[in-house]
Amino acid sequence: MALSLGANAPDFTLPATSSKKISLSKDLAGKAVILYFYPKDFTGVCTAEACEFRDQFEAFRELDVPVFGISRDDIPTHEKFKKAHRLPFELLSDESGKVCKAYDALIPLIKMPKRVTYLLDQDHKITGVFSDMFESKGHIESMLKKLKR
């Protein structure tokens, strides 16, 4: 079960593929944000999802909404994944799984991230949620519909 609409998004600071750390409350203050959690780099559905975000990235940029992918993969793996698929957005590493857990995006027994996407408004309240472990395209379509309303 994902976090509820209207809930405050948990704050976090995570290492990013840009060689710095991204903090929700500091670096993204006053910005709407897309956070998409996914199980693992270089797997079929995760690759399709990342590439779909890449292919729709211009639409998010025009709406001034940054996109961040989050998994438990380390930064070197993220960097390879980002380069291999020419991803124009940051990937964040949550190796401990604490942020995934805070966003209710962690499968309890196997400690692997679920596939869940959140749209946060400028106050970092959750205004959109899409969760589907085996389907990736709906995540992007759902977020774009919400943003264009």
N, C-alpha and C. Protein backbone atom coordinates (compact mmCIF):
# COMPACT_ATOMS: atom_id res chain seq x y z
N MET A 1 0.84 -1.18 0.00
CA MET A 1 0.00 0.00 0.00
C MET A 1 0.89 1.24 0.00
N ALA A 2 0.68 2.13 -0.92
CA ALA A 2 1.47 3.35 -1.03
C ALA A 2 1.02 4.38 0.01
N LEU A 3 1.79 5.43 0.18
CA LEU A 3 1.40 6.53 1.06
C LEU A 3 0.13 7.19 0.51
N SER A 4 -0.64 7.79 1.38
CA SER A 4 -1.93 8.37 1.00
C SER A 4 -1.80 9.72 0.32
N LEU A 5 -2.77 10.00 -0.54
CA LEU A 5 -2.87 11.33 -1.14
C LEU A 5 -3.06 12.35 -0.02
N GLY A 6 -2.40 13.48 -0.14
CA GLY A 6 -2.50 14.54 0.85
C GLY A 6 -1.49 14.43 1.99
N ALA A 7 -0.84 13.27 2.11
CA ALA A 7 0.17 13.10 3.16
C ALA A 7 1.42 13.91 2.83
N ASN A 8 2.14 14.30 3.87
CA ASN A 8 3.43 14.96 3.67
C ASN A 8 4.44 13.92 3.23
N ALA A 9 5.21 14.24 2.21
CA ALA A 9 6.25 13.32 1.74
C ALA A 9 7.38 13.30 2.76
N PRO A 10 7.86 12.12 3.13
CA PRO A 10 8.99 12.05 4.06
C PRO A 10 10.23 12.72 3.46
N ASP A 11 10.92 13.49 4.28
CA ASP A 11 12.15 14.14 3.82
C ASP A 11 13.26 13.10 3.70
N PHE A 12 14.22 13.38 2.86
CA PHE A 12 15.37 12.48 2.70
C PHE A 12 16.54 13.25 2.11
N THR A 13 17.71 12.65 2.25
CA THR A 13 18.92 13.09 1.57
C THR A 13 19.59 11.82 1.07
N LEU A 14 19.81 11.74 -0.24
CA LEU A 14 20.40 10.54 -0.83
C LEU A 14 21.49 10.92 -1.84
N PRO A 15 22.49 10.04 -1.99
CA PRO A 15 23.50 10.28 -3.03
C PRO A 15 22.88 10.14 -4.42
N ALA A 16 23.35 10.99 -5.33
CA ALA A 16 22.81 11.03 -6.70
C ALA A 16 23.90 10.76 -7.72
N THR A 17 23.46 10.46 -8.93
CA THR A 17 24.41 10.20 -10.02
C THR A 17 25.17 11.45 -10.43
N SER A 18 24.79 12.61 -9.93
CA SER A 18 25.50 13.85 -10.25
C SER A 18 26.69 14.05 -9.31
N SER A 19 27.02 13.03 -8.53
CA SER A 19 28.14 13.07 -7.57
C SER A 19 27.87 13.98 -6.40
N LYS A 20 26.62 14.30 -6.15
CA LYS A 20 26.29 15.07 -4.95
C LYS A 20 25.12 14.38 -4.28
N LYS A 21 24.71 14.95 -3.16
CA LYS A 21 23.54 14.42 -2.47
C LYS A 21 22.36 15.33 -2.75
N ILE A 22 21.18 14.73 -2.89
CA ILE A 22 19.95 15.47 -3.12
C ILE A 22 19.11 15.38 -1.85
N SER A 23 18.70 16.55 -1.37
CA SER A 23 17.83 16.63 -0.21
C SER A 23 16.48 17.17 -0.66
N LEU A 24 15.42 16.46 -0.33
CA LEU A 24 14.08 16.89 -0.72
C LEU A 24 13.78 18.28 -0.15
N SER A 25 14.02 18.47 1.13
CA SER A 25 13.64 19.73 1.77
C SER A 25 14.55 20.90 1.40
N LYS A 26 15.80 20.64 1.06
CA LYS A 26 16.73 21.73 0.75
C LYS A 26 16.84 21.98 -0.75
N ASP A 27 17.22 20.95 -1.49
CA ASP A 27 17.49 21.12 -2.92
C ASP A 27 16.23 21.28 -3.76
N LEU A 28 15.12 20.77 -3.27
CA LEU A 28 13.88 20.77 -4.05
C LEU A 28 12.77 21.57 -3.38
N ALA A 29 13.14 22.42 -2.44
CA ALA A 29 12.15 23.24 -1.73
C ALA A 29 11.35 24.08 -2.73
N GLY A 30 10.03 24.07 -2.57
CA GLY A 30 9.16 24.87 -3.41
C GLY A 30 8.94 24.33 -4.82
N LYS A 31 9.39 23.10 -5.08
CA LYS A 31 9.24 22.51 -6.41
C LYS A 31 8.34 21.27 -6.34
N ALA A 32 7.49 21.13 -7.33
CA ALA A 32 6.79 19.86 -7.52
C ALA A 32 7.83 18.86 -8.00
N VAL A 33 7.68 17.59 -7.64
CA VAL A 33 8.69 16.57 -7.91
C VAL A 33 8.02 15.24 -8.23
N ILE A 34 8.65 14.49 -9.14
CA ILE A 34 8.26 13.09 -9.38
C ILE A 34 9.33 12.21 -8.75
N LEU A 35 8.92 11.30 -7.87
CA LEU A 35 9.82 10.30 -7.31
C LEU A 35 9.30 8.95 -7.76
N TYR A 36 10.14 8.22 -8.48
CA TYR A 36 9.69 6.87 -8.84
C TYR A 36 10.65 5.86 -8.26
N PHE A 37 10.08 4.93 -7.51
CA PHE A 37 10.83 3.85 -6.87
C PHE A 37 10.73 2.63 -7.77
N TYR A 38 11.83 1.91 -7.90
CA TYR A 38 11.85 0.74 -8.77
C TYR A 38 12.79 -0.31 -8.20
N PRO A 39 12.57 -1.58 -8.55
CA PRO A 39 13.35 -2.66 -7.95
C PRO A 39 14.85 -2.68 -8.26
N LYS A 40 15.24 -2.63 -9.55
CA LYS A 40 16.65 -2.89 -9.84
C LYS A 40 17.04 -2.41 -11.23
N ASP A 41 18.22 -1.79 -11.30
CA ASP A 41 18.77 -1.38 -12.59
C ASP A 41 19.00 -2.61 -13.48
N PHE A 42 18.87 -2.40 -14.78
CA PHE A 42 19.18 -3.40 -15.81
C PHE A 42 18.23 -4.60 -15.81
N THR A 43 17.06 -4.48 -15.20
CA THR A 43 16.07 -5.55 -15.32
C THR A 43 15.01 -5.09 -16.33
N GLY A 44 14.28 -6.00 -16.89
CA GLY A 44 13.38 -5.70 -18.00
C GLY A 44 12.39 -4.56 -17.78
N VAL A 45 11.51 -4.71 -16.80
CA VAL A 45 10.47 -3.70 -16.58
C VAL A 45 11.09 -2.40 -16.07
N CYS A 46 12.12 -2.50 -15.24
CA CYS A 46 12.77 -1.28 -14.71
C CYS A 46 13.44 -0.49 -15.84
N THR A 47 14.04 -1.20 -16.78
CA THR A 47 14.66 -0.53 -17.92
C THR A 47 13.59 0.12 -18.78
N ALA A 48 12.49 -0.59 -19.02
CA ALA A 48 11.39 -0.03 -19.82
C ALA A 48 10.83 1.23 -19.14
N GLU A 49 10.69 1.18 -17.83
CA GLU A 49 10.15 2.33 -17.10
C GLU A 49 11.11 3.53 -17.19
N ALA A 50 12.39 3.29 -16.96
CA ALA A 50 13.38 4.38 -17.03
C ALA A 50 13.40 4.99 -18.44
N CYS A 51 13.33 4.14 -19.46
CA CYS A 51 13.35 4.64 -20.83
C CYS A 51 12.08 5.40 -21.18
N GLU A 52 10.96 5.01 -20.60
CA GLU A 52 9.71 5.74 -20.82
C GLU A 52 9.78 7.12 -20.16
N PHE A 53 10.34 7.18 -18.94
CA PHE A 53 10.55 8.49 -18.31
C PHE A 53 11.50 9.32 -19.17
N ARG A 54 12.53 8.69 -19.71
CA ARG A 54 13.47 9.39 -20.60
C ARG A 54 12.74 9.94 -21.82
N ASP A 55 11.91 9.11 -22.44
CA ASP A 55 11.22 9.51 -23.66
C ASP A 55 10.18 10.61 -23.41
N GLN A 56 9.66 10.68 -22.20
CA GLN A 56 8.67 11.70 -21.84
C GLN A 56 9.30 12.85 -21.04
N PHE A 57 10.61 12.83 -20.91
CA PHE A 57 11.30 13.79 -20.04
C PHE A 57 11.04 15.24 -20.43
N GLU A 58 10.96 15.51 -21.71
CA GLU A 58 10.74 16.88 -22.17
C GLU A 58 9.41 17.43 -21.65
N ALA A 59 8.39 16.58 -21.59
CA ALA A 59 7.09 17.01 -21.07
C ALA A 59 7.21 17.40 -19.59
N PHE A 60 7.97 16.63 -18.82
CA PHE A 60 8.16 16.97 -17.41
C PHE A 60 9.00 18.25 -17.28
N ARG A 61 10.01 18.39 -18.15
CA ARG A 61 10.85 19.59 -18.10
C ARG A 61 10.02 20.84 -18.41
N GLU A 62 9.15 20.74 -19.41
CA GLU A 62 8.29 21.88 -19.77
C GLU A 62 7.37 22.28 -18.62
N LEU A 63 6.98 21.31 -17.81
CA LEU A 63 6.13 21.58 -16.65
C LEU A 63 6.97 21.95 -15.42
N ASP A 64 8.29 21.98 -15.59
CA ASP A 64 9.25 22.32 -14.52
C ASP A 64 9.12 21.37 -13.33
N VAL A 65 9.02 20.08 -13.64
CA VAL A 65 8.91 19.05 -12.60
C VAL A 65 10.07 18.07 -12.77
N PRO A 66 11.05 18.12 -11.86
CA PRO A 66 12.16 17.18 -11.95
C PRO A 66 11.71 15.75 -11.63
N VAL A 67 12.40 14.81 -12.25
CA VAL A 67 12.14 13.38 -12.09
C VAL A 67 13.35 12.75 -11.40
N PHE A 68 13.09 11.90 -10.42
CA PHE A 68 14.15 11.18 -9.74
C PHE A 68 13.77 9.71 -9.62
N GLY A 69 14.66 8.83 -10.06
CA GLY A 69 14.48 7.40 -9.89
C GLY A 69 15.23 6.96 -8.64
N ILE A 70 14.60 6.12 -7.82
CA ILE A 70 15.22 5.67 -6.57
C ILE A 70 15.14 4.15 -6.48
N SER A 71 16.29 3.53 -6.23
CA SER A 71 16.34 2.10 -5.94
C SER A 71 17.46 1.86 -4.93
N ARG A 72 17.67 0.61 -4.58
CA ARG A 72 18.72 0.27 -3.61
C ARG A 72 20.05 0.02 -4.29
N ASP A 73 20.11 0.15 -5.61
CA ASP A 73 21.38 -0.02 -6.31
C ASP A 73 22.36 1.06 -5.88
N ASP A 74 23.66 0.75 -5.93
CA ASP A 74 24.68 1.73 -5.56
C ASP A 74 24.92 2.72 -6.70
N ILE A 75 25.63 3.79 -6.41
CA ILE A 75 25.87 4.85 -7.40
C ILE A 75 26.63 4.34 -8.63
N PRO A 76 27.70 3.54 -8.49
CA PRO A 76 28.37 3.05 -9.70
C PRO A 76 27.43 2.27 -10.64
N THR A 77 26.53 1.47 -10.08
CA THR A 77 25.56 0.73 -10.90
C THR A 77 24.58 1.70 -11.55
N HIS A 78 24.10 2.67 -10.78
CA HIS A 78 23.21 3.71 -11.33
C HIS A 78 23.89 4.46 -12.47
N GLU A 79 25.15 4.80 -12.30
CA GLU A 79 25.86 5.55 -13.34
C GLU A 79 25.95 4.75 -14.64
N LYS A 80 26.21 3.46 -14.53
CA LYS A 80 26.27 2.59 -15.72
C LYS A 80 24.89 2.51 -16.38
N PHE A 81 23.86 2.35 -15.57
CA PHE A 81 22.49 2.27 -16.06
C PHE A 81 22.09 3.57 -16.75
N LYS A 82 22.40 4.68 -16.12
CA LYS A 82 22.08 5.99 -16.68
C LYS A 82 22.78 6.21 -18.01
N LYS A 83 24.05 5.85 -18.08
CA LYS A 83 24.82 6.03 -19.32
C LYS A 83 24.32 5.08 -20.42
N ALA A 84 24.08 3.83 -20.07
CA ALA A 84 23.64 2.83 -21.05
C ALA A 84 22.32 3.22 -21.72
N HIS A 85 21.46 3.90 -20.98
CA HIS A 85 20.12 4.23 -21.49
C HIS A 85 19.90 5.72 -21.70
N ARG A 86 20.98 6.50 -21.61
CA ARG A 86 20.94 7.95 -21.86
C ARG A 86 19.81 8.62 -21.06
N LEU A 87 19.81 8.38 -19.77
CA LEU A 87 18.76 8.93 -18.91
C LEU A 87 19.11 10.37 -18.54
N PRO A 88 18.22 11.33 -18.81
CA PRO A 88 18.50 12.74 -18.55
C PRO A 88 18.14 13.21 -17.15
N PHE A 89 17.81 12.30 -16.27
CA PHE A 89 17.41 12.65 -14.91
C PHE A 89 18.29 11.90 -13.91
N GLU A 90 18.25 12.37 -12.67
CA GLU A 90 19.06 11.80 -11.61
C GLU A 90 18.50 10.46 -11.11
N LEU A 91 19.40 9.57 -10.80
CA LEU A 91 19.06 8.35 -10.08
C LEU A 91 19.65 8.49 -8.68
N LEU A 92 18.86 8.14 -7.68
CA LEU A 92 19.28 8.25 -6.29
C LEU A 92 19.46 6.87 -5.69
N SER A 93 20.50 6.72 -4.87
CA SER A 93 20.82 5.44 -4.27
C SER A 93 20.36 5.38 -2.82
N ASP A 94 19.49 4.43 -2.55
CA ASP A 94 18.99 4.19 -1.19
C ASP A 94 19.44 2.79 -0.76
N GLU A 95 20.75 2.62 -0.63
CA GLU A 95 21.30 1.29 -0.34
C GLU A 95 20.74 0.69 0.95
N SER A 96 20.49 1.52 1.95
CA SER A 96 19.97 1.02 3.23
C SER A 96 18.49 0.64 3.14
N GLY A 97 17.79 1.21 2.17
CA GLY A 97 16.36 0.96 2.04
C GLY A 97 15.50 1.81 2.95
N LYS A 98 16.10 2.72 3.72
CA LYS A 98 15.34 3.54 4.68
C LYS A 98 14.34 4.46 4.00
N VAL A 99 14.75 5.07 2.88
CA VAL A 99 13.83 5.98 2.18
C VAL A 99 12.72 5.17 1.51
N CYS A 100 13.08 4.06 0.90
CA CYS A 100 12.06 3.18 0.30
C CYS A 100 11.03 2.79 1.36
N LYS A 101 11.50 2.44 2.54
CA LYS A 101 10.59 2.04 3.62
C LYS A 101 9.71 3.22 4.05
N ALA A 102 10.30 4.42 4.17
CA ALA A 102 9.54 5.60 4.58
C ALA A 102 8.43 5.92 3.58
N TYR A 103 8.64 5.58 2.30
CA TYR A 103 7.65 5.83 1.25
C TYR A 103 6.78 4.60 1.00
N ASP A 104 6.85 3.64 1.90
CA ASP A 104 6.10 2.39 1.76
C ASP A 104 6.35 1.78 0.38
N ALA A 105 7.62 1.79 -0.01
CA ALA A 105 8.00 1.27 -1.32
C ALA A 105 9.01 0.14 -1.17
N LEU A 106 8.89 -0.63 -0.10
CA LEU A 106 9.82 -1.73 0.14
C LEU A 106 9.03 -3.00 0.42
N ILE A 107 9.34 -4.05 -0.31
CA ILE A 107 8.70 -5.34 -0.08
C ILE A 107 9.30 -5.92 1.20
N PRO A 108 8.49 -6.13 2.24
CA PRO A 108 9.02 -6.46 3.57
C PRO A 108 10.01 -7.63 3.64
N LEU A 109 9.66 -8.78 3.18
CA LEU A 109 10.53 -9.95 3.39
C LEU A 109 11.81 -9.93 2.56
N ILE A 110 11.71 -9.47 1.32
CA ILE A 110 12.90 -9.51 0.47
C ILE A 110 13.64 -8.18 0.40
N LYS A 111 13.06 -7.16 1.04
CA LYS A 111 13.71 -5.83 1.13
C LYS A 111 14.06 -5.24 -0.23
N MET A 112 13.26 -5.54 -1.23
CA MET A 112 13.43 -4.97 -2.57
C MET A 112 12.40 -3.87 -2.77
N PRO A 113 12.79 -2.77 -3.42
CA PRO A 113 11.81 -1.71 -3.67
C PRO A 113 10.66 -2.18 -4.55
N LYS A 114 9.48 -1.68 -4.24
CA LYS A 114 8.30 -1.87 -5.08
C LYS A 114 8.35 -0.85 -6.21
N ARG A 115 7.55 -1.06 -7.22
CA ARG A 115 7.43 -0.08 -8.30
C ARG A 115 6.26 0.84 -7.93
N VAL A 116 6.62 2.01 -7.44
CA VAL A 116 5.60 2.99 -7.06
C VAL A 116 6.12 4.38 -7.42
N THR A 117 5.23 5.21 -7.95
CA THR A 117 5.59 6.56 -8.38
C THR A 117 4.73 7.56 -7.62
N TYR A 118 5.40 8.61 -7.13
CA TYR A 118 4.72 9.67 -6.38
C TYR A 118 4.89 11.00 -7.09
N LEU A 119 3.81 11.78 -7.12
CA LEU A 119 3.86 13.17 -7.54
C LEU A 119 3.71 14.00 -6.28
N LEU A 120 4.69 14.86 -6.03
CA LEU A 120 4.65 15.76 -4.88
C LEU A 120 4.39 17.17 -5.38
N ASP A 121 3.55 17.91 -4.68
CA ASP A 121 3.32 19.31 -5.05
C ASP A 121 4.45 20.18 -4.50
N GLN A 122 4.33 21.49 -4.66
CA GLN A 122 5.38 22.42 -4.24
C GLN A 122 5.62 22.39 -2.73
N ASP A 123 4.62 21.96 -1.97
CA ASP A 123 4.77 21.85 -0.51
C ASP A 123 5.18 20.44 -0.09
N HIS A 124 5.45 19.61 -1.09
CA HIS A 124 5.85 18.21 -0.90
C HIS A 124 4.77 17.38 -0.22
N LYS A 125 3.52 17.71 -0.57
CA LYS A 125 2.39 16.86 -0.21
C LYS A 125 2.16 15.91 -1.40
N ILE A 126 1.76 14.70 -1.11
CA ILE A 126 1.54 13.71 -2.16
C ILE A 126 0.22 14.01 -2.86
N THR A 127 0.30 14.31 -4.16
CA THR A 127 -0.90 14.63 -4.93
C THR A 127 -1.20 13.57 -5.99
N GLY A 128 -0.29 12.63 -6.19
CA GLY A 128 -0.52 11.56 -7.14
C GLY A 128 0.29 10.34 -6.75
N VAL A 129 -0.32 9.16 -6.89
CA VAL A 129 0.36 7.89 -6.58
C VAL A 129 -0.03 6.89 -7.66
N PHE A 130 0.94 6.15 -8.15
CA PHE A 130 0.65 5.05 -9.05
C PHE A 130 1.53 3.89 -8.64
N SER A 131 0.93 2.73 -8.41
CA SER A 131 1.68 1.56 -7.96
C SER A 131 1.27 0.35 -8.78
N ASP A 132 2.22 -0.23 -9.46
CA ASP A 132 1.99 -1.46 -10.23
C ASP A 132 3.34 -2.11 -10.44
N MET A 133 3.54 -3.25 -9.84
CA MET A 133 4.84 -3.91 -9.85
C MET A 133 5.25 -4.37 -11.25
N PHE A 134 4.29 -4.76 -12.09
CA PHE A 134 4.65 -5.40 -13.35
C PHE A 134 4.39 -4.56 -14.59
N GLU A 135 3.95 -3.33 -14.40
CA GLU A 135 3.63 -2.46 -15.53
C GLU A 135 4.34 -1.14 -15.30
N SER A 136 4.95 -0.61 -16.36
CA SER A 136 5.72 0.61 -16.18
C SER A 136 5.12 1.83 -16.87
N LYS A 137 4.51 1.65 -18.00
CA LYS A 137 4.04 2.79 -18.79
C LYS A 137 2.96 3.60 -18.07
N GLY A 138 2.10 2.94 -17.33
CA GLY A 138 1.03 3.62 -16.62
C GLY A 138 1.52 4.63 -15.61
N HIS A 139 2.71 4.39 -15.05
CA HIS A 139 3.27 5.32 -14.07
C HIS A 139 3.46 6.70 -14.70
N ILE A 140 4.04 6.72 -15.87
CA ILE A 140 4.34 7.97 -16.55
C ILE A 140 3.05 8.64 -17.02
N GLU A 141 2.17 7.87 -17.65
CA GLU A 141 0.90 8.42 -18.15
C GLU A 141 0.09 9.01 -17.01
N SER A 142 0.03 8.32 -15.87
CA SER A 142 -0.72 8.78 -14.72
C SER A 142 -0.18 10.11 -14.21
N MET A 143 1.13 10.23 -14.12
CA MET A 143 1.74 11.47 -13.61
C MET A 143 1.53 12.63 -14.57
N LEU A 144 1.67 12.39 -15.86
CA LEU A 144 1.47 13.46 -16.83
C LEU A 144 0.02 13.96 -16.82
N LYS A 145 -0.94 13.03 -16.70
CA LYS A 145 -2.36 13.43 -16.62
C LYS A 145 -2.59 14.33 -15.41
N LYS A 146 -2.05 13.91 -14.26
CA LYS A 146 -2.21 14.70 -13.03
C LYS A 146 -1.61 16.10 -13.20
N LEU A 147 -0.43 16.18 -13.80
CA LEU A 147 0.27 17.46 -13.95
C LEU A 147 -0.43 18.41 -14.92
N LYS A 148 -1.07 17.84 -15.92
CA LYS A 148 -1.69 18.68 -16.96
C LYS A 148 -3.07 19.17 -16.57
N ARG A 149 -3.60 18.68 -15.44
CA ARG A 149 -4.92 19.14 -14.96
C ARG A 149 -4.83 20.52 -14.40
